[in-house]
Amino acid sequence: MKKVTMYSGDPCPYCAAAKALLKTKKVEIEEFDIWKDPVKAKEMLQRTNGARTIPQIFIGETYIGGNDKLQEANRKGELDRLLSE
């Protein structure tokens, strides 16, 4: 299973929804709170070409986007494939 990296913050209902979905997949999440870590906030901006909303999710080196894109990938059956590749 690939490593999942999530840039998030607290409180954030979209981050919570993304984490809940990933927990159902039994995925370990490397999570960075961008509100507490300005270095990771800058890293997120660079890796996402300027996306400022949270969460921002990567599966391995594949950029997924936010919670909406993660949920959509799951509905389409793409999430399991991305996690196992």
N, C-alpha and C. Protein backbone atom coordinates (compact mmCIF):
# COMPACT_ATOMS: atom_id res chain seq x y z
N MET A 1 0.84 -1.18 0.00
CA MET A 1 0.00 0.00 0.00
C MET A 1 0.89 1.24 0.00
N LYS A 2 0.54 2.21 -0.83
CA LYS A 2 1.33 3.43 -0.94
C LYS A 2 1.13 4.33 0.26
N LYS A 3 2.14 5.17 0.50
CA LYS A 3 2.07 6.15 1.58
C LYS A 3 1.13 7.28 1.16
N VAL A 4 0.30 7.71 2.10
CA VAL A 4 -0.60 8.83 1.87
C VAL A 4 -0.11 10.02 2.70
N THR A 5 0.06 11.15 2.03
CA THR A 5 0.46 12.38 2.70
C THR A 5 -0.72 13.34 2.62
N MET A 6 -1.07 13.92 3.78
CA MET A 6 -2.19 14.86 3.82
C MET A 6 -1.75 16.13 4.54
N TYR A 7 -1.93 17.24 3.86
CA TYR A 7 -1.73 18.55 4.47
C TYR A 7 -3.10 18.98 4.97
N SER A 8 -3.19 19.27 6.27
CA SER A 8 -4.50 19.53 6.87
C SER A 8 -4.40 20.62 7.92
N GLY A 9 -5.46 20.77 8.67
CA GLY A 9 -5.54 21.70 9.77
C GLY A 9 -6.65 21.25 10.70
N ASP A 10 -6.73 21.88 11.85
CA ASP A 10 -7.76 21.48 12.82
C ASP A 10 -8.34 22.72 13.46
N PRO A 11 -9.63 22.94 13.45
CA PRO A 11 -10.67 22.04 12.95
C PRO A 11 -10.86 22.19 11.44
N CYS A 12 -11.22 21.08 10.81
CA CYS A 12 -11.44 21.07 9.36
C CYS A 12 -12.33 19.87 9.04
N PRO A 13 -13.62 20.10 8.79
CA PRO A 13 -14.52 18.97 8.52
C PRO A 13 -14.15 18.20 7.25
N TYR A 14 -13.57 18.87 6.27
CA TYR A 14 -13.17 18.19 5.03
C TYR A 14 -11.98 17.27 5.29
N CYS A 15 -11.07 17.73 6.16
CA CYS A 15 -9.94 16.89 6.55
C CYS A 15 -10.43 15.66 7.30
N ALA A 16 -11.37 15.87 8.20
CA ALA A 16 -11.93 14.76 8.98
C ALA A 16 -12.61 13.74 8.07
N ALA A 17 -13.33 14.22 7.06
CA ALA A 17 -14.01 13.31 6.12
C ALA A 17 -13.00 12.51 5.32
N ALA A 18 -11.92 13.17 4.87
CA ALA A 18 -10.88 12.47 4.11
C ALA A 18 -10.19 11.42 4.98
N LYS A 19 -9.88 11.78 6.23
CA LYS A 19 -9.23 10.83 7.14
C LYS A 19 -10.14 9.64 7.42
N ALA A 20 -11.44 9.90 7.59
CA ALA A 20 -12.39 8.82 7.86
C ALA A 20 -12.42 7.84 6.70
N LEU A 21 -12.46 8.35 5.47
CA LEU A 21 -12.46 7.47 4.30
C LEU A 21 -11.18 6.66 4.24
N LEU A 22 -10.06 7.31 4.43
CA LEU A 22 -8.78 6.60 4.36
C LEU A 22 -8.64 5.56 5.46
N LYS A 23 -9.22 5.83 6.64
CA LYS A 23 -9.20 4.83 7.72
C LYS A 23 -9.97 3.58 7.33
N THR A 24 -11.07 3.74 6.57
CA THR A 24 -11.82 2.55 6.14
C THR A 24 -10.99 1.70 5.19
N LYS A 25 -10.00 2.33 4.55
CA LYS A 25 -9.11 1.61 3.64
C LYS A 25 -7.88 1.08 4.37
N LYS A 26 -7.83 1.33 5.68
CA LYS A 26 -6.71 0.89 6.53
C LYS A 26 -5.38 1.44 6.02
N VAL A 27 -5.41 2.72 5.70
CA VAL A 27 -4.24 3.41 5.16
C VAL A 27 -3.58 4.23 6.27
N GLU A 28 -2.28 4.16 6.31
CA GLU A 28 -1.53 5.01 7.24
C GLU A 28 -1.35 6.37 6.59
N ILE A 29 -1.67 7.42 7.33
CA ILE A 29 -1.62 8.78 6.80
C ILE A 29 -0.48 9.54 7.47
N GLU A 30 0.38 10.12 6.65
CA GLU A 30 1.38 11.05 7.15
C GLU A 30 0.73 12.43 7.04
N GLU A 31 0.41 13.01 8.18
CA GLU A 31 -0.38 14.24 8.20
C GLU A 31 0.43 15.42 8.72
N PHE A 32 0.29 16.54 8.04
CA PHE A 32 0.97 17.77 8.45
C PHE A 32 -0.07 18.87 8.65
N ASP A 33 -0.08 19.46 9.83
CA ASP A 33 -0.99 20.56 10.14
C ASP A 33 -0.33 21.85 9.68
N ILE A 34 -0.82 22.41 8.58
CA ILE A 34 -0.19 23.59 7.99
C ILE A 34 -0.40 24.84 8.83
N TRP A 35 -1.37 24.83 9.73
CA TRP A 35 -1.59 25.99 10.59
C TRP A 35 -0.56 26.05 11.72
N LYS A 36 0.02 24.90 12.03
CA LYS A 36 1.03 24.84 13.09
C LYS A 36 2.46 24.79 12.55
N ASP A 37 2.61 24.46 11.27
CA ASP A 37 3.94 24.28 10.70
C ASP A 37 4.07 25.07 9.39
N PRO A 38 4.58 26.30 9.48
CA PRO A 38 4.68 27.14 8.28
C PRO A 38 5.60 26.56 7.20
N VAL A 39 6.56 25.75 7.58
CA VAL A 39 7.44 25.12 6.59
C VAL A 39 6.62 24.14 5.74
N LYS A 40 5.76 23.37 6.39
CA LYS A 40 4.91 22.42 5.66
C LYS A 40 3.85 23.15 4.84
N ALA A 41 3.39 24.31 5.32
CA ALA A 41 2.43 25.11 4.55
C ALA A 41 3.07 25.55 3.24
N LYS A 42 4.31 26.00 3.31
CA LYS A 42 5.04 26.42 2.11
C LYS A 42 5.27 25.22 1.19
N GLU A 43 5.63 24.08 1.78
CA GLU A 43 5.83 22.86 1.00
C GLU A 43 4.54 22.48 0.26
N MET A 44 3.39 22.58 0.95
CA MET A 44 2.11 22.26 0.33
C MET A 44 1.86 23.16 -0.88
N LEU A 45 2.09 24.44 -0.72
CA LEU A 45 1.88 25.38 -1.82
C LEU A 45 2.74 25.03 -3.03
N GLN A 46 3.98 24.63 -2.77
CA GLN A 46 4.88 24.26 -3.86
C GLN A 46 4.44 22.97 -4.53
N ARG A 47 4.09 21.97 -3.74
CA ARG A 47 3.73 20.66 -4.31
C ARG A 47 2.41 20.69 -5.06
N THR A 48 1.51 21.64 -4.70
CA THR A 48 0.18 21.68 -5.32
C THR A 48 0.04 22.82 -6.32
N ASN A 49 1.13 23.49 -6.64
CA ASN A 49 1.09 24.64 -7.55
C ASN A 49 0.17 25.74 -7.04
N GLY A 50 0.19 25.96 -5.73
CA GLY A 50 -0.51 27.10 -5.15
C GLY A 50 -1.85 26.84 -4.52
N ALA A 51 -2.28 25.59 -4.42
CA ALA A 51 -3.57 25.30 -3.78
C ALA A 51 -3.51 25.72 -2.32
N ARG A 52 -4.53 26.44 -1.86
CA ARG A 52 -4.52 26.98 -0.50
C ARG A 52 -5.58 26.32 0.40
N THR A 53 -6.46 25.53 -0.16
CA THR A 53 -7.49 24.90 0.66
C THR A 53 -6.94 23.61 1.26
N ILE A 54 -7.56 23.18 2.35
CA ILE A 54 -7.18 21.91 2.96
C ILE A 54 -8.40 21.02 3.02
N PRO A 55 -8.17 19.72 2.98
CA PRO A 55 -6.88 19.04 2.88
C PRO A 55 -6.34 19.04 1.45
N GLN A 56 -5.06 18.78 1.35
CA GLN A 56 -4.41 18.49 0.07
C GLN A 56 -3.76 17.13 0.25
N ILE A 57 -4.08 16.21 -0.65
CA ILE A 57 -3.74 14.80 -0.46
C ILE A 57 -2.88 14.28 -1.61
N PHE A 58 -1.87 13.51 -1.23
CA PHE A 58 -1.01 12.81 -2.18
C PHE A 58 -1.02 11.33 -1.84
N ILE A 59 -1.13 10.50 -2.85
CA ILE A 59 -0.96 9.05 -2.69
C ILE A 59 0.33 8.71 -3.40
N GLY A 60 1.34 8.35 -2.62
CA GLY A 60 2.68 8.25 -3.18
C GLY A 60 3.07 9.63 -3.66
N GLU A 61 3.47 9.75 -4.91
CA GLU A 61 3.78 11.05 -5.50
C GLU A 61 2.63 11.58 -6.35
N THR A 62 1.52 10.84 -6.40
CA THR A 62 0.37 11.26 -7.20
C THR A 62 -0.47 12.28 -6.43
N TYR A 63 -0.66 13.44 -7.01
CA TYR A 63 -1.45 14.50 -6.39
C TYR A 63 -2.92 14.22 -6.63
N ILE A 64 -3.68 14.07 -5.55
CA ILE A 64 -5.10 13.80 -5.64
C ILE A 64 -5.89 15.09 -5.62
N GLY A 65 -5.55 15.98 -4.71
CA GLY A 65 -6.31 17.22 -4.52
C GLY A 65 -6.94 17.21 -3.15
N GLY A 66 -8.14 17.75 -3.06
CA GLY A 66 -8.82 17.85 -1.78
C GLY A 66 -9.75 16.69 -1.50
N ASN A 67 -10.55 16.85 -0.45
CA ASN A 67 -11.48 15.80 -0.04
C ASN A 67 -12.47 15.46 -1.15
N ASP A 68 -12.96 16.46 -1.88
CA ASP A 68 -13.92 16.18 -2.94
C ASP A 68 -13.34 15.25 -4.00
N LYS A 69 -12.09 15.47 -4.37
CA LYS A 69 -11.44 14.61 -5.36
C LYS A 69 -11.18 13.21 -4.81
N LEU A 70 -10.84 13.14 -3.53
CA LEU A 70 -10.62 11.83 -2.89
C LEU A 70 -11.92 11.04 -2.87
N GLN A 71 -13.01 11.68 -2.48
CA GLN A 71 -14.31 11.00 -2.42
C GLN A 71 -14.76 10.56 -3.82
N GLU A 72 -14.52 11.41 -4.81
CA GLU A 72 -14.86 11.08 -6.19
C GLU A 72 -14.07 9.88 -6.68
N ALA A 73 -12.77 9.86 -6.37
CA ALA A 73 -11.93 8.71 -6.76
C ALA A 73 -12.45 7.43 -6.12
N ASN A 74 -12.93 7.53 -4.89
CA ASN A 74 -13.47 6.35 -4.22
C ASN A 74 -14.77 5.88 -4.89
N ARG A 75 -15.66 6.83 -5.20
CA ARG A 75 -16.92 6.47 -5.85
C ARG A 75 -16.69 5.80 -7.20
N LYS A 76 -15.67 6.25 -7.92
CA LYS A 76 -15.37 5.69 -9.25
C LYS A 76 -14.55 4.41 -9.19
N GLY A 77 -14.14 3.99 -7.97
CA GLY A 77 -13.34 2.79 -7.84
C GLY A 77 -11.86 3.01 -8.12
N GLU A 78 -11.46 4.26 -8.29
CA GLU A 78 -10.06 4.56 -8.60
C GLU A 78 -9.17 4.59 -7.36
N LEU A 79 -9.74 4.87 -6.21
CA LEU A 79 -8.94 5.03 -5.00
C LEU A 79 -8.20 3.74 -4.63
N ASP A 80 -8.89 2.62 -4.66
CA ASP A 80 -8.24 1.35 -4.33
C ASP A 80 -7.08 1.05 -5.27
N ARG A 81 -7.27 1.36 -6.55
CA ARG A 81 -6.20 1.15 -7.54
C ARG A 81 -5.00 2.05 -7.22
N LEU A 82 -5.28 3.31 -6.93
CA LEU A 82 -4.19 4.25 -6.60
C LEU A 82 -3.43 3.82 -5.36
N LEU A 83 -4.13 3.30 -4.39
CA LEU A 83 -3.49 2.88 -3.14
C LEU A 83 -2.64 1.64 -3.32
N SER A 84 -3.04 0.77 -4.23
CA SER A 84 -2.34 -0.52 -4.37
C SER A 84 -1.25 -0.51 -5.44
N GLU A 85 -1.24 0.46 -6.33
CA GLU A 85 -0.24 0.48 -7.42
C GLU A 85 1.17 0.57 -6.89
